[in-house]
Amino acid sequence: MFFVSCATHAPMSEMVMYTPKKVISEDKKNEVIKYYSKFSFGVSAQTDFLDYSALREYANKKGHQGPIYDYDGSTITGGLVPIFLFDKNDEFAFSLTTGFLFGVDATIKLYENYYLTGGYTAFGGGQVILQKRVLNTYSKGASVGVFFDYLYQATDGNCSYVCLGPGYDDIFYVHVVGLRGNFLATEAEKNRSFLSLNSKVGYLFETQTPYLSLGVTLGAY
């Protein structure tokens, strides 16, 4: 059975958790100021690792049929990521992922250091993240939380190489819950570049198997 799927994208609207950042002023030498970014931009990649032998077994039991194909056990999505933030605001942001696939997400501040993120990835699925910011310094930021994902899967009966959109034999979703962490590193100076890393470890209900996801984004804010 040939599965067609992609990972959920990295939800970069969560950059709002680390707003404002403290940077070195460009006008006055060595003066530290609070900097609110109105727009950020990055390049991201996200990879999910799944037990596809267990997925094939589950799909067969549920009547989802397609030609047998040995999958490599991981999926990937990513692309260019514009991130929309707002001046003097640390409560809301949204971002888009454009590239091989399309994704959209938004993050809102719930209370003090607690944030809620929701996102959808075309041919990838959806995600909800509840997290707490545990670190926010000049050059670093971090959060920990819980997540719930539903992941897109499809059996492919007619595609010779890659198909997107209609044409799949069957489409179904699987569901994952688990723990998630995010780490942000910045220059904290005139160079406003950043590196964002995220990881998810969870449990896939339908196949009763572990789930792992890793992501990285490089950009400037």
Protein backbone atom coordinates (compact mmCIF):
# COMPACT_ATOMS: atom_id res chain seq x y z
CA MET A 1 0.00 0.00 0.00
CA PHE A 2 1.45 3.36 -1.05
CA PHE A 3 0.71 6.04 1.54
CA VAL A 4 0.65 9.69 0.56
CA SER A 5 1.09 12.09 3.49
CA CYS A 6 3.01 15.08 4.73
CA ALA A 7 3.97 16.40 8.12
CA THR A 8 2.11 19.26 9.75
CA HIS A 9 4.10 22.47 9.28
CA ALA A 10 6.10 24.32 11.94
CA PRO A 11 3.67 26.92 13.42
CA MET A 12 5.87 30.00 13.45
CA SER A 13 3.16 32.28 14.83
CA GLU A 14 4.44 31.05 18.20
CA MET A 15 7.28 33.58 17.77
CA VAL A 16 4.87 35.95 19.53
CA MET A 17 5.74 34.15 22.78
CA TYR A 18 9.16 35.80 22.63
CA THR A 19 7.93 39.34 21.95
CA PRO A 20 9.38 41.85 22.61
CA LYS A 21 13.00 40.92 22.07
CA LYS A 22 15.84 42.97 23.53
CA VAL A 23 18.34 44.09 20.92
CA ILE A 24 21.19 46.56 20.53
CA SER A 25 19.94 49.88 19.17
CA GLU A 26 20.99 50.81 15.66
CA ASP A 27 20.86 54.52 16.52
CA LYS A 28 22.75 54.66 19.81
CA LYS A 29 25.76 52.48 20.26
CA ASN A 30 25.41 49.63 22.77
CA GLU A 31 22.03 50.84 24.06
CA VAL A 32 19.66 47.96 24.77
CA ILE A 33 16.10 48.50 23.59
CA LYS A 34 12.91 46.46 23.36
CA TYR A 35 12.20 45.54 19.77
CA TYR A 36 8.72 44.65 18.50
CA SER A 37 8.82 42.93 15.14
CA LYS A 38 5.91 43.62 12.80
CA PHE A 39 6.97 41.05 10.22
CA SER A 40 9.33 38.09 10.28
CA PHE A 41 10.46 35.73 7.58
CA GLY A 42 11.96 32.27 7.65
CA VAL A 43 12.60 28.99 5.87
CA SER A 44 11.35 25.89 7.65
CA ALA A 45 11.29 22.11 7.44
CA GLN A 46 9.30 19.65 9.55
CA THR A 47 9.67 15.85 9.54
CA ASP A 48 7.32 13.26 11.04
CA PHE A 49 8.45 9.70 11.80
CA LEU A 50 5.66 7.11 11.69
CA ASP A 51 5.41 3.33 11.86
CA TYR A 52 4.10 2.74 8.34
CA SER A 53 3.91 -1.04 8.72
CA ALA A 54 1.43 -0.48 11.54
CA LEU A 55 -0.40 2.10 9.42
CA ARG A 56 -0.72 -0.33 6.52
CA GLU A 57 -2.11 -2.97 8.87
CA TYR A 58 -4.61 -0.50 10.30
CA ALA A 59 -5.64 0.70 6.82
CA ASN A 60 -6.22 -2.87 5.62
CA LYS A 61 -8.41 -3.64 8.62
CA LYS A 62 -10.51 -0.56 7.88
CA GLY A 63 -10.86 -1.40 4.19
CA HIS A 64 -8.52 1.27 2.81
CA GLN A 65 -6.95 -0.49 -0.16
CA GLY A 66 -4.11 0.38 -2.53
CA PRO A 67 -0.96 -1.09 -4.10
CA ILE A 68 1.76 -2.31 -1.73
CA TYR A 69 4.71 0.07 -1.48
CA ASP A 70 7.56 0.19 1.03
CA TYR A 71 7.57 3.68 2.56
CA ASP A 72 10.69 5.00 4.27
CA GLY A 73 8.93 5.78 7.55
CA SER A 74 9.09 9.58 7.51
CA THR A 75 7.33 12.50 5.89
CA ILE A 76 8.46 16.08 5.41
CA THR A 77 6.93 19.47 4.73
CA GLY A 78 8.29 23.00 4.69
CA GLY A 79 8.85 26.13 2.69
CA LEU A 80 8.98 29.90 3.01
CA VAL A 81 7.34 31.28 6.15
CA PRO A 82 6.10 34.88 6.46
CA ILE A 83 5.22 35.63 10.11
CA PHE A 84 2.84 38.50 10.90
CA LEU A 85 3.25 40.16 14.30
CA PHE A 86 1.99 43.49 15.60
CA ASP A 87 3.70 46.51 17.16
CA LYS A 88 3.67 46.55 20.98
CA ASN A 89 1.65 43.35 21.06
CA ASP A 90 2.59 40.02 22.64
CA GLU A 91 -0.88 38.49 22.53
CA PHE A 92 -1.54 37.43 18.91
CA ALA A 93 0.27 36.50 15.70
CA PHE A 94 -0.30 34.38 12.60
CA SER A 95 1.92 32.86 9.94
CA LEU A 96 1.77 31.11 6.59
CA THR A 97 3.88 28.31 5.15
CA THR A 98 4.18 28.40 1.37
CA GLY A 99 6.15 25.96 -0.72
CA PHE A 100 5.55 22.33 -1.62
CA LEU A 101 2.43 22.49 0.56
CA PHE A 102 0.44 25.29 2.19
CA GLY A 103 -0.12 25.84 5.91
CA VAL A 104 -1.63 28.49 8.14
CA ASP A 105 -1.52 28.94 11.92
CA ALA A 106 -2.25 31.45 14.70
CA THR A 107 -1.13 31.85 18.31
CA ILE A 108 -2.92 33.71 21.11
CA LYS A 109 -1.86 34.52 24.65
CA LEU A 110 -4.19 32.97 27.21
CA TYR A 111 -2.77 34.06 30.57
CA GLU A 112 0.65 35.25 31.69
CA ASN A 113 3.09 32.78 30.02
CA TYR A 114 0.47 30.39 28.58
CA TYR A 115 -0.25 30.35 24.84
CA LEU A 116 -2.59 28.44 22.51
CA THR A 117 -1.61 27.65 18.91
CA GLY A 118 -3.78 26.17 16.17
CA GLY A 119 -2.79 25.31 12.62
CA TYR A 120 -3.81 23.50 9.44
CA THR A 121 -1.57 22.05 6.72
CA ALA A 122 -3.02 21.13 3.32
CA PHE A 123 -2.47 17.37 2.79
CA GLY A 124 -0.84 17.30 6.21
CA GLY A 125 -3.55 17.72 8.83
CA GLY A 126 -4.26 19.93 11.81
CA GLN A 127 -2.61 20.70 15.12
CA VAL A 128 -3.49 22.29 18.46
CA ILE A 129 -0.76 23.18 20.98
CA LEU A 130 -1.13 24.41 24.56
CA GLN A 131 2.23 25.57 25.87
CA LYS A 132 3.95 27.60 28.55
CA ARG A 133 6.87 29.92 27.89
CA VAL A 134 9.59 28.93 30.34
CA LEU A 135 12.49 31.05 29.05
CA ASN A 136 12.77 34.44 27.36
CA THR A 137 16.15 36.21 27.57
CA TYR A 138 18.21 38.44 25.28
CA SER A 139 19.31 35.56 23.11
CA LYS A 140 17.17 32.54 24.01
CA GLY A 141 13.58 31.43 24.40
CA ALA A 142 11.90 28.13 25.22
CA SER A 143 8.46 26.64 25.79
CA VAL A 144 6.99 23.28 26.78
CA GLY A 145 3.47 21.98 26.36
CA VAL A 146 1.06 19.38 25.07
CA PHE A 147 -0.27 18.89 21.54
CA PHE A 148 -3.03 17.15 19.61
CA ASP A 149 -2.59 16.43 15.88
CA TYR A 150 -4.75 14.80 13.25
CA LEU A 151 -2.64 13.59 10.34
CA TYR A 152 -3.70 13.16 6.72
CA GLN A 153 -3.10 9.76 5.12
CA ALA A 154 -4.11 8.47 1.68
CA THR A 155 -3.71 5.24 -0.26
CA ASP A 156 -2.54 5.78 -3.81
CA GLY A 157 -3.82 3.47 -6.54
CA ASN A 158 -3.27 5.42 -9.73
CA CYS A 159 -0.30 7.79 -9.30
CA SER A 160 2.95 6.91 -11.05
CA TYR A 161 5.05 9.40 -9.08
CA VAL A 162 3.41 12.02 -6.86
CA CYS A 163 -0.24 13.08 -6.82
CA LEU A 164 -1.73 16.07 -5.08
CA GLY A 165 -5.45 16.66 -4.71
CA PRO A 166 -8.19 14.39 -6.13
CA GLY A 167 -7.18 11.00 -7.51
CA TYR A 168 -6.33 9.11 -4.34
CA ASP A 169 -8.13 5.83 -3.79
CA ASP A 170 -8.97 6.64 -0.19
CA ILE A 171 -8.31 9.29 2.44
CA PHE A 172 -8.34 8.90 6.20
CA TYR A 173 -6.93 10.59 9.29
CA VAL A 174 -5.06 9.35 12.35
CA HIS A 175 -4.78 11.13 15.69
CA VAL A 176 -1.80 11.84 17.94
CA VAL A 177 -1.45 13.32 21.43
CA GLY A 178 1.78 14.03 23.29
CA LEU A 179 4.40 16.46 24.57
CA ARG A 180 6.05 19.28 22.62
CA GLY A 181 9.03 21.56 23.13
CA ASN A 182 10.27 24.68 21.33
CA PHE A 183 13.63 26.44 21.52
CA LEU A 184 14.57 29.81 20.02
CA ALA A 185 18.07 31.27 19.64
CA THR A 186 18.75 34.82 18.41
CA GLU A 187 21.75 37.11 17.99
CA ALA A 188 20.26 39.71 20.38
CA GLU A 189 22.13 42.42 18.49
CA LYS A 190 21.79 44.31 15.23
CA ASN A 191 21.77 41.01 13.38
CA ARG A 192 18.19 39.91 14.09
CA SER A 193 18.48 36.39 12.75
CA PHE A 194 16.94 33.48 14.63
CA LEU A 195 17.02 29.70 14.81
CA SER A 196 13.90 27.89 16.01
CA LEU A 197 13.80 24.18 16.86
CA ASN A 198 10.78 22.12 17.84
CA SER A 199 10.14 18.50 18.72
CA LYS A 200 7.04 16.42 19.44
CA VAL A 201 6.85 13.00 21.09
CA GLY A 202 3.47 11.34 21.19
CA TYR A 203 1.17 8.36 20.87
CA LEU A 204 -0.76 7.51 17.71
CA PHE A 205 -4.15 6.17 18.77
CA GLU A 206 -5.21 4.18 15.71
CA THR A 207 -2.03 2.09 15.51
CA GLN A 208 -1.04 2.30 19.20
CA THR A 209 2.51 3.24 18.19
CA PRO A 210 4.98 6.03 19.11
CA TYR A 211 5.18 9.24 17.10
CA LEU A 212 8.12 11.62 16.67
CA SER A 213 8.32 14.96 14.86
CA LEU A 214 11.31 17.30 14.45
CA GLY A 215 11.38 20.77 12.93
CA VAL A 216 13.77 23.64 12.23
CA THR A 217 13.28 27.22 11.02
CA LEU A 218 15.91 29.82 10.07
CA GLY A 219 14.91 33.43 9.65
CA ALA A 220 15.01 37.07 10.74
CA TYR A 221 12.61 39.12 12.85
